[in-house]
Amino acid sequence: MSVVIQDATGGVPDADDAAIWAEGLGLTYPVVADVDASFQPVWDPDLVLPVAYVVDRDGVVTWGEIGGAGGLDEMEAQVLSALDDGS
């Protein structure tokens, strides 16, 4: 699942923002909007974007990146590694 924490203007997103995000990126997994702004303070307290986490089936964070330094290749490698581990 992916969570949209800001809309295009930096404001609190709504369900339509999540749908636009998913459609624009061709995502086939659930994408939700943090409509009450409760997600961001926990997962991105310094308000640095983008933020990405890989969470396994047990709810354990297996990888995280703030600021997008590793890019999509690094993120893909982490997801594939989690899938190979059965996570």
PDB file of N, CA and C in Angstrom:
ATOM      1  N   MET A   1       0.839  -1.166   0.000  1.00  0.00           N
ATOM      2  CA  MET A   1       0.000   0.000   0.000  1.00  0.00           C
ATOM      3  C   MET A   1       0.883   1.227   0.000  1.00  0.00           C
ATOM      4  N   SER A   2       0.434   2.269  -0.634  1.00  0.00           N
ATOM      5  CA  SER A   2       1.115   3.546  -0.665  1.00  0.00           C
ATOM      6  C   SER A   2       0.204   4.583  -0.030  1.00  0.00           C
ATOM      7  N   VAL A   3       0.798   5.563   0.627  1.00  0.00           N
ATOM      8  CA  VAL A   3       0.018   6.616   1.270  1.00  0.00           C
ATOM      9  C   VAL A   3       0.434   7.955   0.697  1.00  0.00           C
ATOM     10  N   VAL A   4      -0.534   8.722   0.224  1.00  0.00           N
ATOM     11  CA  VAL A   4      -0.290  10.075  -0.263  1.00  0.00           C
ATOM     12  C   VAL A   4      -0.446  11.005   0.926  1.00  0.00           C
ATOM     13  N   ILE A   5       0.637  11.758   1.256  1.00  0.00           N
ATOM     14  CA  ILE A   5       0.561  12.617   2.423  1.00  0.00           C
ATOM     15  C   ILE A   5       0.399  14.086   2.080  1.00  0.00           C
ATOM     16  N   GLN A   6       0.548  14.439   0.812  1.00  0.00           N
ATOM     17  CA  GLN A   6       0.306  15.811   0.375  1.00  0.00           C
ATOM     18  C   GLN A   6      -0.326  15.792  -1.001  1.00  0.00           C
ATOM     19  N   ASP A   7      -1.135  16.832  -1.251  1.00  0.00           N
ATOM     20  CA  ASP A   7      -1.660  16.969  -2.604  1.00  0.00           C
ATOM     21  C   ASP A   7      -0.645  17.764  -3.432  1.00  0.00           C
ATOM     22  N   ALA A   8      -0.994  18.113  -4.645  1.00  0.00           N
ATOM     23  CA  ALA A   8      -0.059  18.794  -5.539  1.00  0.00           C
ATOM     24  C   ALA A   8       0.354  20.177  -5.033  1.00  0.00           C
ATOM     25  N   THR A   9      -0.414  20.769  -4.124  1.00  0.00           N
ATOM     26  CA  THR A   9      -0.097  22.095  -3.611  1.00  0.00           C
ATOM     27  C   THR A   9       0.568  22.045  -2.243  1.00  0.00           C
ATOM     28  N   GLY A  10       0.796  20.846  -1.707  1.00  0.00           N
ATOM     29  CA  GLY A  10       1.401  20.710  -0.392  1.00  0.00           C
ATOM     30  C   GLY A  10       0.384  20.638   0.726  1.00  0.00           C
ATOM     31  N   GLY A  11      -0.903  20.617   0.370  1.00  0.00           N
ATOM     32  CA  GLY A  11      -1.959  20.539   1.368  1.00  0.00           C
ATOM     33  C   GLY A  11      -2.329  19.100   1.693  1.00  0.00           C
ATOM     34  N   VAL A  12      -3.270  18.952   2.608  1.00  0.00           N
ATOM     35  CA  VAL A  12      -3.749  17.623   2.996  1.00  0.00           C
ATOM     36  C   VAL A  12      -4.508  17.012   1.816  1.00  0.00           C
ATOM     37  N   PRO A  13      -4.182  15.791   1.419  1.00  0.00           N
ATOM     38  CA  PRO A  13      -4.818  15.173   0.256  1.00  0.00           C
ATOM     39  C   PRO A  13      -6.194  14.613   0.580  1.00  0.00           C
ATOM     40  N   ASP A  14      -6.944  14.336  -0.470  1.00  0.00           N
ATOM     41  CA  ASP A  14      -8.216  13.632  -0.311  1.00  0.00           C
ATOM     42  C   ASP A  14      -8.174  12.374  -1.176  1.00  0.00           C
ATOM     43  N   ALA A  15      -9.268  11.636  -1.182  1.00  0.00           N
ATOM     44  CA  ALA A  15      -9.305  10.369  -1.923  1.00  0.00           C
ATOM     45  C   ALA A  15      -9.025  10.572  -3.410  1.00  0.00           C
ATOM     46  N   ASP A  16      -9.475  11.698  -3.972  1.00  0.00           N
ATOM     47  CA  ASP A  16      -9.213  11.958  -5.390  1.00  0.00           C
ATOM     48  C   ASP A  16      -7.711  12.096  -5.664  1.00  0.00           C
ATOM     49  N   ASP A  17      -6.971  12.718  -4.723  1.00  0.00           N
ATOM     50  CA  ASP A  17      -5.526  12.847  -4.888  1.00  0.00           C
ATOM     51  C   ASP A  17      -4.873  11.468  -4.945  1.00  0.00           C
ATOM     52  N   ALA A  18      -5.327  10.559  -4.083  1.00  0.00           N
ATOM     53  CA  ALA A  18      -4.779   9.202  -4.069  1.00  0.00           C
ATOM     54  C   ALA A  18      -5.055   8.495  -5.392  1.00  0.00           C
ATOM     55  N   ALA A  19      -6.256   8.672  -5.912  1.00  0.00           N
ATOM     56  CA  ALA A  19      -6.616   8.042  -7.188  1.00  0.00           C
ATOM     57  C   ALA A  19      -5.776   8.605  -8.335  1.00  0.00           C
ATOM     58  N   ILE A  20      -5.551   9.914  -8.337  1.00  0.00           N
ATOM     59  CA  ILE A  20      -4.726  10.547  -9.373  1.00  0.00           C
ATOM     60  C   ILE A  20      -3.293  10.035  -9.284  1.00  0.00           C
ATOM     61  N   TRP A  21      -2.760   9.924  -8.066  1.00  0.00           N
ATOM     62  CA  TRP A  21      -1.405   9.411  -7.832  1.00  0.00           C
ATOM     63  C   TRP A  21      -1.283   7.996  -8.393  1.00  0.00           C
ATOM     64  N   ALA A  22      -2.218   7.136  -8.034  1.00  0.00           N
ATOM     65  CA  ALA A  22      -2.165   5.738  -8.464  1.00  0.00           C
ATOM     66  C   ALA A  22      -2.293   5.625  -9.985  1.00  0.00           C
ATOM     67  N   GLU A  23      -3.230   6.347 -10.545  1.00  0.00           N
ATOM     68  CA  GLU A  23      -3.446   6.276 -11.992  1.00  0.00           C
ATOM     69  C   GLU A  23      -2.241   6.826 -12.749  1.00  0.00           C
ATOM     70  N   GLY A  24      -1.719   7.949 -12.289  1.00  0.00           N
ATOM     71  CA  GLY A  24      -0.586   8.586 -12.959  1.00  0.00           C
ATOM     72  C   GLY A  24       0.659   7.723 -12.979  1.00  0.00           C
ATOM     73  N   LEU A  25       0.841   6.927 -11.944  1.00  0.00           N
ATOM     74  CA  LEU A  25       2.010   6.056 -11.865  1.00  0.00           C
ATOM     75  C   LEU A  25       1.722   4.626 -12.315  1.00  0.00           C
ATOM     76  N   GLY A  26       0.473   4.351 -12.671  1.00  0.00           N
ATOM     77  CA  GLY A  26       0.109   3.010 -13.111  1.00  0.00           C
ATOM     78  C   GLY A  26       0.186   1.987 -11.985  1.00  0.00           C
ATOM     79  N   LEU A  27      -0.097   2.417 -10.763  1.00  0.00           N
ATOM     80  CA  LEU A  27       0.010   1.513  -9.624  1.00  0.00           C
ATOM     81  C   LEU A  27      -1.178   0.568  -9.565  1.00  0.00           C
ATOM     82  N   THR A  28      -0.911  -0.668  -9.184  1.00  0.00           N
ATOM     83  CA  THR A  28      -1.972  -1.670  -9.095  1.00  0.00           C
ATOM     84  C   THR A  28      -2.229  -2.097  -7.656  1.00  0.00           C
ATOM     85  N   TYR A  29      -1.530  -1.489  -6.712  1.00  0.00           N
ATOM     86  CA  TYR A  29      -1.731  -1.797  -5.294  1.00  0.00           C
ATOM     87  C   TYR A  29      -2.483  -0.637  -4.633  1.00  0.00           C
ATOM     88  N   PRO A  30      -3.007  -0.844  -3.447  1.00  0.00           N
ATOM     89  CA  PRO A  30      -3.798   0.219  -2.794  1.00  0.00           C
ATOM     90  C   PRO A  30      -2.984   1.480  -2.519  1.00  0.00           C
ATOM     91  N   VAL A  31      -3.596   2.609  -2.797  1.00  0.00           N
ATOM     92  CA  VAL A  31      -3.035   3.921  -2.468  1.00  0.00           C
ATOM     93  C   VAL A  31      -4.119   4.663  -1.699  1.00  0.00           C
ATOM     94  N   VAL A  32      -3.762   5.176  -0.531  1.00  0.00           N
ATOM     95  CA  VAL A  32      -4.728   5.892   0.294  1.00  0.00           C
ATOM     96  C   VAL A  32      -4.216   7.294   0.576  1.00  0.00           C
ATOM     97  N   ALA A  33      -5.114   8.172   0.979  1.00  0.00           N
ATOM     98  CA  ALA A  33      -4.775   9.543   1.317  1.00  0.00           C
ATOM     99  C   ALA A  33      -4.796   9.725   2.827  1.00  0.00           C
ATOM    100  N   ASP A  34      -3.828  10.450   3.341  1.00  0.00           N
ATOM    101  CA  ASP A  34      -3.750  10.763   4.771  1.00  0.00           C
ATOM    102  C   ASP A  34      -4.643  11.973   5.041  1.00  0.00           C
ATOM    103  N   VAL A  35      -5.944  11.748   4.985  1.00  0.00           N
ATOM    104  CA  VAL A  35      -6.913  12.849   5.028  1.00  0.00           C
ATOM    105  C   VAL A  35      -6.974  13.572   6.362  1.00  0.00           C
ATOM    106  N   ASP A  36      -6.543  12.934   7.443  1.00  0.00           N
ATOM    107  CA  ASP A  36      -6.560  13.632   8.730  1.00  0.00           C
ATOM    108  C   ASP A  36      -5.157  14.023   9.186  1.00  0.00           C
ATOM    109  N   ALA A  37      -4.183  13.895   8.289  1.00  0.00           N
ATOM    110  CA  ALA A  37      -2.793  14.290   8.532  1.00  0.00           C
ATOM    111  C   ALA A  37      -2.174  13.593   9.741  1.00  0.00           C
ATOM    112  N   SER A  38      -2.569  12.352  10.002  1.00  0.00           N
ATOM    113  CA  SER A  38      -2.008  11.619  11.136  1.00  0.00           C
ATOM    114  C   SER A  38      -0.801  10.772  10.743  1.00  0.00           C
ATOM    115  N   PHE A  39      -0.667  10.440   9.482  1.00  0.00           N
ATOM    116  CA  PHE A  39       0.417   9.580   9.010  1.00  0.00           C
ATOM    117  C   PHE A  39       1.757  10.315   8.971  1.00  0.00           C
ATOM    118  N   GLN A  40       1.766  11.509   8.421  1.00  0.00           N
ATOM    119  CA  GLN A  40       3.017  12.220   8.186  1.00  0.00           C
ATOM    120  C   GLN A  40       3.832  12.485   9.453  1.00  0.00           C
ATOM    121  N   PRO A  41       3.266  12.941  10.556  1.00  0.00           N
ATOM    122  CA  PRO A  41       4.098  13.202  11.739  1.00  0.00           C
ATOM    123  C   PRO A  41       4.809  11.960  12.277  1.00  0.00           C
ATOM    124  N   VAL A  42       4.245  10.788  12.055  1.00  0.00           N
ATOM    125  CA  VAL A  42       4.854   9.549  12.538  1.00  0.00           C
ATOM    126  C   VAL A  42       5.933   9.052  11.576  1.00  0.00           C
ATOM    127  N   TRP A  43       5.639   9.066  10.286  1.00  0.00           N
ATOM    128  CA  TRP A  43       6.526   8.471   9.293  1.00  0.00           C
ATOM    129  C   TRP A  43       7.479   9.471   8.655  1.00  0.00           C
ATOM    130  N   ASP A  44       7.204  10.754   8.766  1.00  0.00           N
ATOM    131  CA  ASP A  44       8.061  11.785   8.175  1.00  0.00           C
ATOM    132  C   ASP A  44       8.043  13.029   9.061  1.00  0.00           C
ATOM    133  N   PRO A  45       8.557  12.908  10.312  1.00  0.00           N
ATOM    134  CA  PRO A  45       8.448  14.025  11.250  1.00  0.00           C
ATOM    135  C   PRO A  45       9.202  15.281  10.828  1.00  0.00           C
ATOM    136  N   ASP A  46      10.230  15.141   9.997  1.00  0.00           N
ATOM    137  CA  ASP A  46      11.003  16.299   9.557  1.00  0.00           C
ATOM    138  C   ASP A  46      10.445  16.940   8.293  1.00  0.00           C
ATOM    139  N   LEU A  47       9.347  16.398   7.783  1.00  0.00           N
ATOM    140  CA  LEU A  47       8.656  16.922   6.597  1.00  0.00           C
ATOM    141  C   LEU A  47       9.568  16.972   5.373  1.00  0.00           C
ATOM    142  N   VAL A  48      10.360  15.920   5.184  1.00  0.00           N
ATOM    143  CA  VAL A  48      11.227  15.805   4.016  1.00  0.00           C
ATOM    144  C   VAL A  48      10.530  14.891   3.016  1.00  0.00           C
ATOM    145  N   LEU A  49      10.401  15.352   1.779  1.00  0.00           N
ATOM    146  CA  LEU A  49       9.774  14.550   0.728  1.00  0.00           C
ATOM    147  C   LEU A  49      10.759  14.335  -0.404  1.00  0.00           C
ATOM    148  N   PRO A  50      10.713  13.255  -1.101  1.00  0.00           N
ATOM    149  CA  PRO A  50       9.816  12.123  -0.900  1.00  0.00           C
ATOM    150  C   PRO A  50      10.286  11.217   0.240  1.00  0.00           C
ATOM    151  N   VAL A  51       9.378  10.427   0.741  1.00  0.00           N
ATOM    152  CA  VAL A  51       9.664   9.436   1.768  1.00  0.00           C
ATOM    153  C   VAL A  51       9.161   8.100   1.249  1.00  0.00           C
ATOM    154  N   ALA A  52       9.965   7.061   1.412  1.00  0.00           N
ATOM    155  CA  ALA A  52       9.561   5.725   0.969  1.00  0.00           C
ATOM    156  C   ALA A  52       9.966   4.705   2.016  1.00  0.00           C
ATOM    157  N   TYR A  53       9.088   3.750   2.265  1.00  0.00           N
ATOM    158  CA  TYR A  53       9.361   2.651   3.179  1.00  0.00           C
ATOM    159  C   TYR A  53       8.925   1.355   2.517  1.00  0.00           C
ATOM    160  N   VAL A  54       9.648   0.276   2.817  1.00  0.00           N
ATOM    161  CA  VAL A  54       9.203  -1.058   2.453  1.00  0.00           C
ATOM    162  C   VAL A  54       8.792  -1.722   3.754  1.00  0.00           C
ATOM    163  N   VAL A  55       7.547  -2.185   3.805  1.00  0.00           N
ATOM    164  CA  VAL A  55       7.006  -2.823   4.996  1.00  0.00           C
ATOM    165  C   VAL A  55       6.636  -4.247   4.626  1.00  0.00           C
ATOM    166  N   ASP A  56       7.132  -5.214   5.411  1.00  0.00           N
ATOM    167  CA  ASP A  56       6.854  -6.607   5.074  1.00  0.00           C
ATOM    168  C   ASP A  56       5.451  -7.024   5.522  1.00  0.00           C
ATOM    169  N   ARG A  57       5.098  -8.265   5.233  1.00  0.00           N
ATOM    170  CA  ARG A  57       3.751  -8.760   5.541  1.00  0.00           C
ATOM    171  C   ARG A  57       3.445  -8.767   7.026  1.00  0.00           C
ATOM    172  N   ASP A  58       4.499  -8.752   7.858  1.00  0.00           N
ATOM    173  CA  ASP A  58       4.313  -8.730   9.309  1.00  0.00           C
ATOM    174  C   ASP A  58       4.237  -7.310   9.858  1.00  0.00           C
ATOM    175  N   GLY A  59       4.296  -6.324   8.973  1.00  0.00           N
ATOM    176  CA  GLY A  59       4.223  -4.932   9.400  1.00  0.00           C
ATOM    177  C   GLY A  59       5.546  -4.356   9.874  1.00  0.00           C
ATOM    178  N   VAL A  60       6.649  -5.044   9.561  1.00  0.00           N
ATOM    179  CA  VAL A  60       7.978  -4.586   9.966  1.00  0.00           C
ATOM    180  C   VAL A  60       8.592  -3.764   8.829  1.00  0.00           C
ATOM    181  N   VAL A  61       9.100  -2.582   9.162  1.00  0.00           N
ATOM    182  CA  VAL A  61       9.786  -1.758   8.169  1.00  0.00           C
ATOM    183  C   VAL A  61      11.133  -2.404   7.882  1.00  0.00           C
ATOM    184  N   THR A  62      11.340  -2.810   6.625  1.00  0.00           N
ATOM    185  CA  THR A  62      12.589  -3.464   6.250  1.00  0.00           C
ATOM    186  C   THR A  62      13.550  -2.520   5.547  1.00  0.00           C
ATOM    187  N   TRP A  63      13.059  -1.367   5.131  1.00  0.00           N
ATOM    188  CA  TRP A  63      13.897  -0.372   4.448  1.00  0.00           C
ATOM    189  C   TRP A  63      13.169   0.949   4.451  1.00  0.00           C
ATOM    190  N   GLY A  64      13.917   2.013   4.516  1.00  0.00           N
ATOM    191  CA  GLY A  64      13.331   3.335   4.436  1.00  0.00           C
ATOM    192  C   GLY A  64      14.305   4.320   3.832  1.00  0.00           C
ATOM    193  N   GLU A  65      13.748   5.343   3.197  1.00  0.00           N
ATOM    194  CA  GLU A  65      14.569   6.369   2.573  1.00  0.00           C
ATOM    195  C   GLU A  65      13.829   7.696   2.645  1.00  0.00           C
ATOM    196  N   ILE A  66      14.528   8.713   3.077  1.00  0.00           N
ATOM    197  CA  ILE A  66      13.958  10.056   3.138  1.00  0.00           C
ATOM    198  C   ILE A  66      14.769  10.938   2.206  1.00  0.00           C
ATOM    199  N   GLY A  67      14.082  11.646   1.336  1.00  0.00           N
ATOM    200  CA  GLY A  67      14.750  12.564   0.430  1.00  0.00           C
ATOM    201  C   GLY A  67      15.028  12.025  -0.954  1.00  0.00           C
ATOM    202  N   GLY A  68      14.759  10.761  -1.196  1.00  0.00           N
ATOM    203  CA  GLY A  68      14.878  10.193  -2.533  1.00  0.00           C
ATOM    204  C   GLY A  68      16.296   9.988  -3.026  1.00  0.00           C
ATOM    205  N   ALA A  69      17.273   9.879  -2.135  1.00  0.00           N
ATOM    206  CA  ALA A  69      18.672   9.778  -2.546  1.00  0.00           C
ATOM    207  C   ALA A  69      18.963   8.541  -3.393  1.00  0.00           C
ATOM    208  N   GLY A  70      18.366   7.394  -3.050  1.00  0.00           N
ATOM    209  CA  GLY A  70      18.663   6.158  -3.768  1.00  0.00           C
ATOM    210  C   GLY A  70      17.916   6.018  -5.079  1.00  0.00           C
ATOM    211  N   GLY A  71      16.812   6.708  -5.210  1.00  0.00           N
ATOM    212  CA  GLY A  71      16.033   6.668  -6.435  1.00  0.00           C
ATOM    213  C   GLY A  71      15.221   5.397  -6.604  1.00  0.00           C
ATOM    214  N   LEU A  72      14.570   5.306  -7.741  1.00  0.00           N
ATOM    215  CA  LEU A  72      13.670   4.190  -8.013  1.00  0.00           C
ATOM    216  C   LEU A  72      14.397   2.852  -8.132  1.00  0.00           C
ATOM    217  N   ASP A  73      15.622   2.855  -8.640  1.00  0.00           N
ATOM    218  CA  ASP A  73      16.363   1.600  -8.764  1.00  0.00           C
ATOM    219  C   ASP A  73      16.612   0.987  -7.391  1.00  0.00           C
ATOM    220  N   GLU A  74      17.002   1.817  -6.426  1.00  0.00           N
ATOM    221  CA  GLU A  74      17.235   1.326  -5.070  1.00  0.00           C
ATOM    222  C   GLU A  74      15.933   0.821  -4.455  1.00  0.00           C
ATOM    223  N   MET A  75      14.860   1.563  -4.653  1.00  0.00           N
ATOM    224  CA  MET A  75      13.570   1.152  -4.109  1.00  0.00           C
ATOM    225  C   MET A  75      13.145  -0.181  -4.705  1.00  0.00           C
ATOM    226  N   GLU A  76      13.292  -0.330  -6.022  1.00  0.00           N
ATOM    227  CA  GLU A  76      12.926  -1.589  -6.668  1.00  0.00           C
ATOM    228  C   GLU A  76      13.749  -2.744  -6.120  1.00  0.00           C
ATOM    229  N   ALA A  77      15.039  -2.523  -5.926  1.00  0.00           N
ATOM    230  CA  ALA A  77      15.906  -3.575  -5.389  1.00  0.00           C
ATOM    231  C   ALA A  77      15.454  -3.988  -3.991  1.00  0.00           C
ATOM    232  N   GLN A  78      15.046  -3.041  -3.175  1.00  0.00           N
ATOM    233  CA  GLN A  78      14.596  -3.346  -1.822  1.00  0.00           C
ATOM    234  C   GLN A  78      13.276  -4.116  -1.825  1.00  0.00           C
ATOM    235  N   VAL A  79      12.363  -3.728  -2.706  1.00  0.00           N
ATOM    236  CA  VAL A  79      11.084  -4.441  -2.818  1.00  0.00           C
ATOM    237  C   VAL A  79      11.328  -5.861  -3.299  1.00  0.00           C
ATOM    238  N   LEU A  80      12.154  -6.024  -4.330  1.00  0.00           N
ATOM    239  CA  LEU A  80      12.443  -7.357  -4.847  1.00  0.00           C
ATOM    240  C   LEU A  80      13.138  -8.222  -3.789  1.00  0.00           C
ATOM    241  N   SER A  81      14.025  -7.617  -3.013  1.00  0.00           N
ATOM    242  CA  SER A  81      14.691  -8.356  -1.940  1.00  0.00           C
ATOM    243  C   SER A  81      13.675  -8.823  -0.885  1.00  0.00           C
ATOM    244  N   ALA A  82      12.739  -7.950  -0.535  1.00  0.00           N
ATOM    245  CA  ALA A  82      11.702  -8.318   0.437  1.00  0.00           C
ATOM    246  C   ALA A  82      10.835  -9.452  -0.115  1.00  0.00           C
ATOM    247  N   LEU A  83      10.523  -9.395  -1.407  1.00  0.00           N
ATOM    248  CA  LEU A  83       9.717 -10.450  -2.009  1.00  0.00           C
ATOM    249  C   LEU A  83      10.488 -11.768  -2.047  1.00  0.00           C
ATOM    250  N   ASP A  84      11.788 -11.700  -2.336  1.00  0.00           N
ATOM    251  CA  ASP A  84      12.613 -12.911  -2.342  1.00  0.00           C
ATOM    252  C   ASP A  84      12.704 -13.549  -0.969  1.00  0.00           C
ATOM    253  N   ASP A  85      12.650 -12.712   0.081  1.00  0.00           N
ATOM    254  CA  ASP A  85      12.712 -13.210   1.456  1.00  0.00           C
ATOM    255  C   ASP A  85      11.376 -13.747   1.931  1.00  0.00           C
ATOM    256  N   GLY A  86      10.361 -13.680   1.069  1.00  0.00           N
ATOM    257  CA  GLY A  86       9.034 -14.125   1.461  1.00  0.00           C
ATOM    258  C   GLY A  86       8.293 -13.099   2.283  1.00  0.00           C
ATOM    259  N   SER A  87       8.841 -11.884   2.378  1.00  0.00           N
ATOM    260  CA  SER A  87       8.219 -10.835   3.149  1.00  0.00           C
ATOM    261  C   SER A  87       7.086 -10.277   2.364  1.00  0.00           C
TER     262      SER A  87
END
